[in-house]
Protein backbone atom coordinates (compact mmCIF):
# COMPACT_ATOMS: atom_id res chain seq x y z
CA MET A 1 -51.41 -14.94 39.21
CA ASP A 2 -48.79 -13.16 37.20
CA ALA A 3 -47.35 -13.58 33.98
CA PHE A 4 -44.75 -15.95 34.50
CA THR A 5 -46.98 -18.74 36.44
CA ALA A 6 -49.99 -18.58 33.84
CA GLY A 7 -47.97 -19.14 30.96
CA LEU A 8 -45.90 -22.01 33.05
CA LEU A 9 -49.16 -23.68 33.84
CA GLN A 10 -50.28 -23.62 30.25
CA ARG A 11 -47.40 -24.78 28.97
CA ILE A 12 -47.41 -27.19 31.54
CA LYS A 13 -51.53 -27.96 30.41
CA THR A 14 -50.34 -28.77 26.65
CA THR A 15 -47.42 -30.44 27.16
CA GLU A 16 -49.12 -32.88 29.13
CA SER A 17 -52.01 -33.08 26.54
CA ASP A 18 -49.09 -33.28 23.47
CA LEU A 19 -47.75 -36.60 25.71
CA THR A 20 -50.82 -37.79 25.89
CA ARG A 21 -51.26 -37.74 22.02
CA ALA A 22 -48.07 -39.69 21.67
CA ARG A 23 -48.91 -41.81 23.92
CA GLU A 24 -52.55 -43.42 22.44
CA THR A 25 -51.03 -42.39 18.98
CA GLY A 26 -47.73 -44.98 19.48
CA ASP A 27 -45.16 -42.53 19.03
CA ASP A 28 -42.72 -43.76 21.44
CA PHE A 29 -40.09 -41.55 20.51
CA LEU A 30 -42.11 -38.08 20.54
CA ALA A 31 -43.88 -39.44 23.87
CA ASP A 32 -40.22 -39.62 25.46
CA VAL A 33 -39.56 -35.85 24.39
CA GLU A 34 -42.71 -34.84 25.70
CA GLN A 35 -42.13 -36.64 28.94
CA SER A 36 -38.48 -34.90 29.32
CA GLU A 37 -40.67 -31.38 28.56
CA LEU A 38 -42.69 -32.05 30.81
CA ASP A 39 -39.93 -33.37 33.54
CA ASP A 40 -38.54 -29.84 32.87
CA LEU A 41 -41.31 -28.27 33.24
CA ARG A 42 -41.92 -29.58 36.77
CA ARG A 43 -39.05 -28.86 38.13
CA LEU A 44 -38.99 -24.78 36.92
CA ALA A 45 -42.72 -24.71 38.65
CA ALA A 46 -41.26 -26.13 41.91
CA GLU A 47 -38.08 -24.27 42.02
CA HIS A 48 -40.19 -20.52 41.64
CA GLY A 49 -42.87 -22.24 44.06
CA VAL A 50 -45.91 -22.46 41.34
CA GLU A 51 -48.05 -25.00 42.19
CA ILE A 52 -49.21 -27.30 39.87
CA GLY A 53 -52.14 -29.24 41.71
CA ALA A 54 -53.41 -32.22 40.49
CA THR A 55 -51.88 -33.42 37.38
CA SER A 56 -53.30 -35.88 34.25
CA VAL A 57 -50.10 -37.37 33.67
């Protein structure tokens, strides 16, 4: 796995975790921000053929 793929997968994992935390604490604004970031990261992964597998969010 190259550095780009590893970094992207790590960012997705971190963002999923941050999104879950924002939802659990009721921070709707932060949840929206994190969801947008996650959508962008998933789009980027798809554009570059990076398999992200099963995601928790």
